[in-house]
Amino acid sequence: MKLFRKILIANRGEIAVRIIRACKELGIRTVAVYSDVDRDSLHTKFADESVCIGPASSAQSYNNIPSILTAAEITDSEAIHPGYGFLSENPHFAEACATSGITFIGPSADSIRMGGDKAKARQVMKRRGVPVVPGSDGPVASEETALKTARKIGFPVILKASAGGGGRGMRIARNEEELERLYFMAQREALTAFGNGELYVEKFIPDMRHVEVQILADAKGNVIHLGERDCSIQRRHQKLIEESPSPAVAEKFRKRLGEYAVKAARAIKYRNAGTVEFIVDAESNIYFMEMNTRLQVEHPVTEYVSGVDIVKEQIRIAAGALLELKQPKVKLKGHAIECRINAEDPERFIPCPGKITFLNLPGGPGVRVDTAAYNCCVIPSHYDSLVAKLIVHGEDREEAVAKMRRALDEFIIEGIKTTIPFHKKVLSDPDFIKGEFNTGFVEKMSAPLPPKGQ
């Protein structure tokens, strides 16, 4: 199978560097795009070519479809990899690439639309036998309809944006008064964030775990899964630590999760890499939550345990290759954990952009750092605060936890505040060490952050 000659990466930061590395190993030339404030970013130095696509504002640069397509055309790029965030789940971008004769390295526009419409995706999964959380049958047209649904399924309920993600447009209502108060608030937030104010209602499940399954699918309908990731350590619906496999999932349960994920992918005729996200309640009931039609931030933990380079697979599938790996041959080995190192105050989670005055990256066997940071670089205030992803792999979870604690001690960033102290706190928590946690874990943590140097 002939791969692409040149790929443009429509992204920035660590994920752009990650994709460039995969392309280089495949013998593919790369084009980096950058905004004015990213002129000196690492991805522009590692790519074979680089093109400025606009000012700092993402609307005028990384989310500017005409500018990105123009950059692809003038550099004679055959394909575009969107990474995650920005235009990665924009069906109009996928269609614009096709119209321009450029391959979009991702699923079809129709699959992106289906994955982006959470309410419609629920309906499709329900029809295909994938269990969903009890809730409304599609978007609720009004506050009154939301109340009727809530009374039917029982409080507490959660209002969610049909076009949403990342916790925006999401509110938990524990009674009728709260629902009445929060409905229009959630609607306004959804409209502002996504340009779509549609909401749907689900039963709120307390003490749940957030477990997702990585899938790969080719153009001939071959679909495999690469096991699950536990993403329950999060704050305000934002993931902070991920691991694979989940400490709460036994082998028989893992097989069932994988089967549901494959069924979900086939239900929307999915192609390329994707993630099917589930809720697992305290009684081990599985419920479909949503499908992410892109590469996930946390994909490295799956790469560690499965031995599969997911980005390379994305590129091969987009070039028309069929999956060589079959499900019986997928073998998961060891345990991997990822910590997202953000430029944020570790106690208040407020962004802290600025200049890194000293940087030391951890190393050693089974330690991987995905980053675009370097000594004296500037973390701009215009984009996501992610500075690096620290990923470790051990023979089992106990070794992975010990390795992560050691790696966090070696990870030194000066000049800006980061979430490293927060991660040290979590990795030292007895309940985390035992694998006994859920999505409410961070809110329940009460111990102070460890002193500097510990």
Protein backbone atom coordinates (compact mmCIF):
# COMPACT_ATOMS: atom_id res chain seq x y z
CA MET A 1 0.00 0.00 0.00
CA LYS A 2 1.44 3.35 -1.09
CA LEU A 3 1.29 5.94 1.68
CA PHE A 4 1.11 9.70 1.33
CA ARG A 5 4.11 11.68 0.12
CA LYS A 6 3.36 14.75 2.27
CA ILE A 7 0.97 15.42 5.18
CA LEU A 8 0.00 18.77 6.67
CA ILE A 9 -0.66 18.77 10.43
CA ALA A 10 -3.54 21.13 11.22
CA ASN A 11 -2.63 21.51 14.87
CA ARG A 12 0.02 22.69 17.30
CA GLY A 13 1.87 21.69 20.47
CA GLU A 14 2.61 18.17 21.59
CA ILE A 15 0.12 16.47 19.29
CA ALA A 16 1.64 18.14 16.21
CA VAL A 17 5.08 16.90 17.32
CA ARG A 18 3.63 13.42 17.93
CA ILE A 19 2.17 13.23 14.42
CA ILE A 20 5.36 14.57 12.80
CA ARG A 21 7.34 11.81 14.51
CA ALA A 22 5.01 9.12 13.17
CA CYS A 23 5.21 10.58 9.67
CA LYS A 24 9.03 10.69 9.74
CA GLU A 25 9.16 7.02 10.72
CA LEU A 26 6.87 6.21 7.80
CA GLY A 27 9.03 8.23 5.38
CA ILE A 28 6.38 10.93 4.89
CA ARG A 29 7.28 14.61 4.58
CA THR A 30 5.42 17.00 6.88
CA VAL A 31 4.08 20.55 6.86
CA ALA A 32 3.50 22.45 10.10
CA VAL A 33 1.08 25.35 10.34
CA TYR A 34 1.42 27.98 13.02
CA SER A 35 -0.04 31.22 14.33
CA ASP A 36 2.01 34.34 14.99
CA VAL A 37 2.61 33.42 18.65
CA ASP A 38 3.68 29.88 17.72
CA ARG A 39 6.41 30.97 15.30
CA ASP A 40 9.12 29.44 17.51
CA SER A 41 7.14 26.35 18.55
CA LEU A 42 8.82 22.96 18.40
CA HIS A 43 6.49 21.58 15.74
CA THR A 44 7.63 24.26 13.29
CA LYS A 45 11.25 23.19 13.84
CA PHE A 46 10.63 19.45 13.44
CA ALA A 47 8.48 19.60 10.30
CA ASP A 48 10.01 19.67 6.83
CA GLU A 49 8.08 22.85 5.99
CA SER A 50 6.09 25.38 7.97
CA VAL A 51 3.45 27.95 7.01
CA CYS A 52 2.02 30.83 9.05
CA ILE A 53 -1.77 30.73 8.86
CA GLY A 54 -2.77 33.79 10.89
CA PRO A 55 -2.69 35.70 14.17
CA ALA A 56 -2.91 34.22 17.66
CA SER A 57 -6.70 33.89 17.74
CA SER A 58 -7.60 30.28 16.94
CA ALA A 59 -10.59 31.50 14.93
CA GLN A 60 -8.13 33.25 12.61
CA SER A 61 -5.54 30.47 12.55
CA TYR A 62 -6.01 26.88 13.74
CA ASN A 63 -9.79 26.99 13.19
CA ASN A 64 -9.52 28.92 9.92
CA ILE A 65 -10.47 26.36 7.27
CA PRO A 66 -9.62 28.52 4.20
CA SER A 67 -6.16 29.36 5.57
CA ILE A 68 -5.36 25.72 6.35
CA LEU A 69 -6.55 24.50 2.95
CA THR A 70 -4.54 27.22 1.24
CA ALA A 71 -1.45 26.11 3.17
CA ALA A 72 -2.09 22.52 2.06
CA GLU A 73 -2.49 23.57 -1.56
CA ILE A 74 0.62 25.77 -1.78
CA THR A 75 2.76 23.04 -0.17
CA ASP A 76 1.22 20.33 -2.38
CA SER A 77 0.13 18.28 0.65
CA GLU A 78 -1.87 15.16 -0.13
CA ALA A 79 -3.48 14.72 3.29
CA ILE A 80 -4.27 16.62 6.48
CA HIS A 81 -4.07 15.21 9.99
CA PRO A 82 -6.22 17.30 12.38
CA GLY A 83 -4.86 15.92 15.66
CA TYR A 84 -7.36 16.56 18.47
CA GLY A 85 -9.29 19.71 19.32
CA PHE A 86 -9.59 22.60 16.85
CA LEU A 87 -11.03 21.20 13.57
CA SER A 88 -10.64 17.50 14.35
CA GLU A 89 -14.38 16.96 14.84
CA ASN A 90 -15.64 19.53 12.36
CA PRO A 91 -17.61 17.80 9.58
CA HIS A 92 -17.40 20.92 7.39
CA PHE A 93 -13.61 20.69 7.48
CA ALA A 94 -13.69 17.01 6.49
CA GLU A 95 -15.99 17.87 3.58
CA ALA A 96 -13.85 20.86 2.56
CA CYS A 97 -10.78 18.61 2.43
CA ALA A 98 -12.61 16.15 0.17
CA THR A 99 -13.81 18.97 -2.12
CA SER A 100 -10.22 20.20 -2.39
CA GLY A 101 -8.95 16.73 -3.26
CA ILE A 102 -7.09 16.36 0.03
CA THR A 103 -7.44 13.28 2.23
CA PHE A 104 -8.76 13.97 5.73
CA ILE A 105 -7.02 11.60 8.15
CA GLY A 106 -10.05 10.70 10.20
CA PRO A 107 -13.63 9.45 9.82
CA SER A 108 -16.18 10.61 7.27
CA ALA A 109 -18.10 13.85 7.73
CA ASP A 110 -21.26 11.80 8.34
CA SER A 111 -19.59 9.83 11.15
CA ILE A 112 -18.32 13.06 12.71
CA ARG A 113 -21.83 14.51 12.59
CA MET A 114 -23.27 11.42 14.20
CA GLY A 115 -20.65 11.38 16.93
CA GLY A 116 -21.10 15.10 17.52
CA ASP A 117 -24.86 14.84 17.94
CA LYS A 118 -24.92 13.13 21.34
CA ALA A 119 -28.70 12.84 21.46
CA LYS A 120 -28.92 11.22 18.01
CA ALA A 121 -26.00 8.92 18.78
CA ARG A 122 -27.91 7.69 21.86
CA GLN A 123 -30.88 6.84 19.67
CA VAL A 124 -28.75 4.90 17.17
CA MET A 125 -26.93 2.95 19.90
CA LYS A 126 -30.19 2.08 21.61
CA ARG A 127 -31.58 0.68 18.35
CA ARG A 128 -28.41 -1.38 17.81
CA GLY A 129 -28.53 -2.98 21.24
CA VAL A 130 -25.82 -0.90 22.92
CA PRO A 131 -27.07 0.00 26.43
CA VAL A 132 -27.61 3.70 27.07
CA VAL A 133 -28.31 5.66 30.24
CA PRO A 134 -32.08 6.10 30.84
CA GLY A 135 -33.11 9.50 29.53
CA SER A 136 -34.89 11.49 26.86
CA ASP A 137 -35.45 10.00 23.42
CA GLY A 138 -33.53 12.72 21.62
CA PRO A 139 -33.28 16.45 22.43
CA VAL A 140 -35.86 18.01 24.75
CA ALA A 141 -37.70 20.87 23.07
CA SER A 142 -38.46 22.84 26.21
CA GLU A 143 -38.03 23.11 29.95
CA GLU A 144 -41.45 21.47 30.39
CA THR A 145 -40.39 18.46 28.30
CA ALA A 146 -37.19 18.17 30.33
CA LEU A 147 -39.26 18.16 33.54
CA LYS A 148 -41.56 15.42 32.21
CA THR A 149 -38.56 13.26 31.33
CA ALA A 150 -36.96 13.87 34.72
CA ARG A 151 -40.14 12.91 36.54
CA LYS A 152 -40.33 9.72 34.48
CA ILE A 153 -36.74 8.54 35.06
CA GLY A 154 -36.37 10.07 38.53
CA PHE A 155 -34.01 12.64 39.99
CA PRO A 156 -31.13 13.41 40.00
CA VAL A 157 -30.75 14.00 36.27
CA ILE A 158 -28.09 15.61 34.12
CA LEU A 159 -28.71 18.11 31.36
CA LYS A 160 -26.29 17.68 28.45
CA ALA A 161 -25.65 19.61 25.26
CA SER A 162 -26.50 17.55 22.17
CA ALA A 163 -23.49 19.05 20.38
CA GLY A 164 -21.38 19.17 23.53
CA GLY A 165 -18.28 17.86 25.13
CA GLY A 166 -15.74 18.77 27.79
CA GLY A 167 -18.40 19.47 30.41
CA ARG A 168 -19.80 22.57 28.69
CA GLY A 169 -23.58 22.84 28.59
CA MET A 170 -23.77 20.19 31.33
CA ARG A 171 -25.67 20.63 34.62
CA ILE A 172 -26.80 18.24 37.35
CA ALA A 173 -30.32 18.82 38.70
CA ARG A 174 -31.31 17.05 41.92
CA ASN A 175 -34.91 18.25 42.01
CA GLU A 176 -37.49 20.12 39.94
CA GLU A 177 -36.50 23.53 41.27
CA GLU A 178 -32.88 22.97 40.27
CA LEU A 179 -33.85 21.78 36.81
CA GLU A 180 -35.98 24.88 36.24
CA ARG A 181 -33.09 27.08 37.35
CA LEU A 182 -30.37 25.26 35.39
CA TYR A 183 -32.16 24.51 32.11
CA PHE A 184 -31.71 27.91 30.48
CA MET A 185 -28.22 28.27 31.96
CA ALA A 186 -27.13 25.02 30.29
CA GLN A 187 -28.88 26.01 27.07
CA ARG A 188 -27.10 29.37 26.91
CA GLU A 189 -23.73 27.78 27.62
CA ALA A 190 -24.29 25.15 24.92
CA LEU A 191 -25.30 27.80 22.40
CA THR A 192 -22.24 29.91 23.18
CA ALA A 193 -19.82 26.99 23.11
CA PHE A 194 -21.19 24.99 20.18
CA GLY A 195 -23.60 27.25 18.30
CA ASN A 196 -26.33 24.75 19.17
CA GLY A 197 -28.51 25.10 22.28
CA GLU A 198 -30.18 21.68 22.07
CA LEU A 199 -30.16 19.71 25.33
CA TYR A 200 -31.05 16.17 26.27
CA VAL A 201 -31.72 14.63 29.68
CA GLU A 202 -30.09 11.59 31.25
CA LYS A 203 -30.37 9.91 34.62
CA PHE A 204 -27.44 11.08 36.73
CA ILE A 205 -25.44 8.11 37.94
CA PRO A 206 -23.39 8.81 41.10
CA ASP A 207 -20.17 6.98 41.96
CA MET A 208 -19.60 6.12 38.33
CA ARG A 209 -16.40 5.32 36.50
CA HIS A 210 -15.61 6.82 33.11
CA VAL A 211 -14.27 4.02 30.95
CA GLU A 212 -13.54 4.32 27.22
CA VAL A 213 -12.54 1.86 24.53
CA GLN A 214 -10.11 2.57 21.69
CA ILE A 215 -11.22 1.26 18.30
CA LEU A 216 -9.67 1.07 14.83
CA ALA A 217 -11.78 0.56 11.71
CA ASP A 218 -10.89 0.34 8.03
CA ALA A 219 -12.87 1.13 4.88
CA LYS A 220 -14.01 -2.49 4.46
CA GLY A 221 -15.82 -2.60 7.80
CA ASN A 222 -13.13 -4.42 9.74
CA VAL A 223 -13.22 -3.15 13.33
CA ILE A 224 -11.04 -4.04 16.30
CA HIS A 225 -10.65 -2.63 19.81
CA LEU A 226 -7.43 -2.14 21.76
CA GLY A 227 -8.81 -2.46 25.27
CA GLU A 228 -10.12 0.15 27.65
CA ARG A 229 -8.84 3.25 29.42
CA ASP A 230 -10.06 4.47 32.81
CA CYS A 231 -10.53 8.25 32.73
CA SER A 232 -12.31 8.67 36.06
CA ILE A 233 -9.75 11.04 37.60
CA GLN A 234 -11.19 14.31 36.36
CA ARG A 235 -12.27 17.72 37.55
CA ARG A 236 -15.37 19.45 36.22
CA HIS A 237 -15.59 16.77 33.52
CA GLN A 238 -12.01 17.48 32.37
CA LYS A 239 -9.74 14.42 32.37
CA LEU A 240 -6.54 14.70 34.40
CA ILE A 241 -5.15 11.16 34.70
CA GLU A 242 -5.86 8.14 32.50
CA GLU A 243 -4.75 4.54 32.69
CA SER A 244 -5.03 1.27 30.83
CA PRO A 245 -6.28 -1.24 31.66
CA SER A 246 -8.92 -0.02 34.12
CA PRO A 247 -8.33 -1.35 37.65
CA ALA A 248 -12.09 -1.94 37.86
CA VAL A 249 -12.46 -4.11 34.76
CA ALA A 250 -12.09 -7.89 34.86
CA GLU A 251 -11.30 -9.93 31.73
CA LYS A 252 -14.89 -11.07 31.10
CA PHE A 253 -16.13 -7.51 31.61
CA ARG A 254 -13.39 -6.21 29.26
CA LYS A 255 -14.62 -8.50 26.51
CA ARG A 256 -18.18 -7.19 26.88
CA LEU A 257 -16.99 -3.55 26.79
CA GLY A 258 -15.01 -4.27 23.65
CA GLU A 259 -17.95 -5.94 21.95
CA TYR A 260 -20.18 -2.94 22.68
CA ALA A 261 -17.52 -0.57 21.33
CA VAL A 262 -17.15 -2.52 18.09
CA LYS A 263 -20.92 -2.65 17.71
CA ALA A 264 -21.11 1.12 18.24
CA ALA A 265 -18.47 1.76 15.57
CA ARG A 266 -20.25 -0.45 13.08
CA ALA A 267 -23.56 1.24 13.84
CA ILE A 268 -22.31 4.48 12.31
CA LYS A 269 -20.09 2.84 9.66
CA TYR A 270 -17.03 4.26 11.33
CA ARG A 271 -13.60 4.43 9.71
CA ASN A 272 -10.19 5.30 11.23
CA ALA A 273 -9.34 5.64 14.94
CA GLY A 274 -12.06 6.51 17.43
CA THR A 275 -13.09 6.13 21.04
CA VAL A 276 -16.35 4.86 22.47
CA GLU A 277 -16.97 6.22 25.96
CA PHE A 278 -18.98 4.42 28.63
CA ILE A 279 -20.27 4.96 32.13
CA VAL A 280 -19.82 2.05 34.52
CA ASP A 281 -21.92 2.29 37.69
CA ALA A 282 -21.28 0.85 41.14
CA GLU A 283 -23.09 -2.37 40.15
CA SER A 284 -20.91 -2.78 37.04
CA ASN A 285 -23.71 -1.86 34.63
CA ILE A 286 -22.38 -0.48 31.34
CA TYR A 287 -23.96 2.50 29.57
CA PHE A 288 -22.92 4.16 26.32
CA MET A 289 -22.07 7.82 26.85
CA GLU A 290 -20.67 9.17 23.57
CA MET A 291 -18.30 8.54 20.70
CA ASN A 292 -15.25 10.69 20.07
CA THR A 293 -14.48 10.73 16.37
CA ARG A 294 -10.80 11.64 16.63
CA LEU A 295 -7.50 10.81 18.23
CA GLN A 296 -7.71 11.14 22.02
CA VAL A 297 -5.26 13.02 24.22
CA GLU A 298 -4.78 9.83 26.23
CA HIS A 299 -4.02 7.52 23.30
CA PRO A 300 -0.42 6.84 24.48
CA VAL A 301 -1.52 4.60 27.37
CA THR A 302 -3.23 2.31 24.86
CA GLU A 303 -0.16 2.36 22.63
CA TYR A 304 1.97 1.23 25.57
CA VAL A 305 -0.22 -1.75 26.56
CA SER A 306 -1.21 -2.85 23.04
CA GLY A 307 2.06 -2.20 21.21
CA VAL A 308 0.10 -0.49 18.41
CA ASP A 309 1.12 2.94 17.05
CA ILE A 310 -2.35 4.47 16.70
CA VAL A 311 -1.21 7.50 14.68
CA LYS A 312 0.56 5.31 12.13
CA GLU A 313 -2.59 3.18 11.88
CA GLN A 314 -4.65 6.32 11.26
CA ILE A 315 -2.38 7.27 8.37
CA ARG A 316 -2.40 3.77 6.86
CA ILE A 317 -6.19 3.49 7.06
CA ALA A 318 -6.64 6.94 5.48
CA ALA A 319 -4.35 5.81 2.64
CA GLY A 320 -6.68 2.87 1.99
CA ALA A 321 -4.89 0.07 3.83
CA LEU A 322 -6.88 -2.66 5.54
CA LEU A 323 -6.25 -3.58 9.16
CA GLU A 324 -3.59 -6.26 9.40
CA LEU A 325 -4.22 -6.81 13.10
CA LYS A 326 -7.18 -9.04 13.92
CA GLN A 327 -8.96 -9.06 17.29
CA PRO A 328 -7.64 -12.46 18.47
CA LYS A 329 -4.10 -11.15 17.94
CA VAL A 330 -4.61 -8.08 20.16
CA LYS A 331 -2.71 -8.79 23.36
CA LEU A 332 -2.57 -6.24 26.17
CA LYS A 333 0.62 -6.26 28.20
CA GLY A 334 1.35 -4.53 31.49
CA HIS A 335 -0.15 -1.29 32.79
CA ALA A 336 0.17 2.33 31.62
CA ILE A 337 -0.72 5.63 33.29
CA GLU A 338 -0.80 9.15 31.84
CA CYS A 339 -0.69 12.45 33.74
CA ARG A 340 -1.64 15.63 31.91
CA ILE A 341 0.82 18.32 32.97
CA ASN A 342 -0.97 21.65 32.56
CA ALA A 343 0.23 25.22 32.99
CA GLU A 344 -2.21 25.80 35.83
CA ASP A 345 -2.24 26.65 39.52
CA PRO A 346 -2.34 23.12 41.05
CA GLU A 347 -4.80 24.13 43.78
CA ARG A 348 -7.18 26.42 41.91
CA PHE A 349 -6.70 25.05 38.36
CA ILE A 350 -6.38 28.58 36.99
CA PRO A 351 -4.27 28.86 33.79
CA CYS A 352 -0.72 30.12 34.37
CA PRO A 353 0.85 30.85 30.99
CA GLY A 354 4.33 32.32 30.74
CA LYS A 355 7.98 31.58 30.03
CA ILE A 356 9.58 28.32 31.15
CA THR A 357 12.92 29.29 32.68
CA PHE A 358 14.12 25.73 33.41
CA LEU A 359 12.90 22.36 32.19
CA ASN A 360 14.02 18.86 33.11
CA LEU A 361 12.17 15.93 31.55
CA PRO A 362 12.06 12.55 33.32
CA GLY A 363 13.43 9.43 31.66
CA GLY A 364 14.33 5.82 32.20
CA PRO A 365 12.77 2.52 31.08
CA GLY A 366 9.05 2.73 30.43
CA VAL A 367 8.84 6.53 30.67
CA ARG A 368 7.53 8.63 27.78
CA VAL A 369 7.02 12.40 27.63
CA ASP A 370 4.93 13.90 24.82
CA THR A 371 5.59 17.64 24.79
CA ALA A 372 6.45 20.64 22.65
CA ALA A 373 8.02 22.50 25.57
CA TYR A 374 11.71 23.35 25.83
CA ASN A 375 13.94 25.57 27.93
CA CYS A 376 12.99 29.26 27.65
CA CYS A 377 9.91 28.59 25.51
CA VAL A 378 6.74 30.56 26.17
CA ILE A 379 3.42 28.87 26.97
CA PRO A 380 0.90 31.24 25.34
CA SER A 381 -2.38 32.24 26.93
CA HIS A 382 -4.39 31.79 23.74
CA TYR A 383 -4.75 27.99 23.73
CA ASP A 384 -5.23 24.93 25.91
CA SER A 385 -2.94 24.91 28.95
CA LEU A 386 -1.50 21.42 28.28
CA VAL A 387 2.31 21.54 28.53
CA ALA A 388 3.15 17.85 28.45
CA LYS A 389 1.82 14.34 28.84
CA LEU A 390 3.82 12.08 31.12
CA ILE A 391 3.20 8.41 30.38
CA VAL A 392 4.69 5.39 32.13
CA HIS A 393 4.46 1.64 31.57
CA GLY A 394 5.03 -1.12 34.08
CA GLU A 395 4.62 -4.88 34.30
CA ASP A 396 1.57 -4.31 36.52
CA ARG A 397 -0.32 -1.39 38.08
CA GLU A 398 1.80 -1.36 41.23
CA GLU A 399 4.97 -0.90 39.19
CA ALA A 400 3.31 1.72 36.97
CA VAL A 401 2.21 3.78 40.00
CA ALA A 402 5.71 3.60 41.52
CA LYS A 403 7.27 4.57 38.19
CA MET A 404 4.92 7.53 37.77
CA ARG A 405 5.71 8.80 41.26
CA ARG A 406 9.44 8.60 40.48
CA ALA A 407 8.99 10.30 37.10
CA LEU A 408 6.94 13.13 38.62
CA ASP A 409 9.78 13.77 41.07
CA GLU A 410 12.19 14.11 38.12
CA PHE A 411 9.87 16.40 36.15
CA ILE A 412 11.00 19.95 36.89
CA ILE A 413 9.37 23.01 35.31
CA GLU A 414 10.32 26.46 36.57
CA GLY A 415 8.99 29.87 35.59
CA ILE A 416 5.32 28.82 35.52
CA LYS A 417 3.01 26.94 37.85
CA THR A 418 1.98 23.46 36.76
CA THR A 419 -0.25 20.62 37.96
CA ILE A 420 2.71 18.40 38.89
CA PRO A 421 2.06 18.86 42.67
CA PHE A 422 -1.57 17.83 42.10
CA HIS A 423 -0.51 14.64 40.33
CA LYS A 424 1.91 13.80 43.15
CA LYS A 425 -0.96 14.20 45.58
CA VAL A 426 -3.21 11.81 43.60
CA LEU A 427 -0.45 9.22 43.10
CA SER A 428 0.11 9.18 46.88
CA ASP A 429 -3.55 8.81 47.81
CA PRO A 430 -4.31 5.39 49.39
CA ASP A 431 -7.59 5.00 47.50
CA PHE A 432 -5.93 5.73 44.15
CA ILE A 433 -3.14 3.30 44.93
CA LYS A 434 -5.77 0.62 45.64
CA GLY A 435 -7.63 1.51 42.41
CA GLU A 436 -10.73 2.51 44.36
CA PHE A 437 -11.96 5.72 42.78
CA ASN A 438 -14.66 7.22 40.57
CA THR A 439 -15.40 10.52 38.84
CA GLY A 440 -16.01 12.21 42.22
CA PHE A 441 -12.52 11.36 43.47
CA VAL A 442 -10.87 14.78 42.99
CA GLU A 443 -13.68 16.66 44.74
CA LYS A 444 -13.41 14.33 47.73
CA MET A 445 -9.64 14.71 48.13
CA SER A 446 -8.96 16.81 51.20
CA ALA A 447 -5.25 16.34 51.96
CA PRO A 448 -3.02 19.37 51.25
CA LEU A 449 -0.58 19.35 48.35
CA PRO A 450 2.80 17.81 49.22
CA PRO A 451 5.67 20.19 50.05
CA LYS A 452 7.95 21.16 47.17
CA GLY A 453 10.49 18.46 46.42
CA GLN A 454 8.37 15.61 47.82
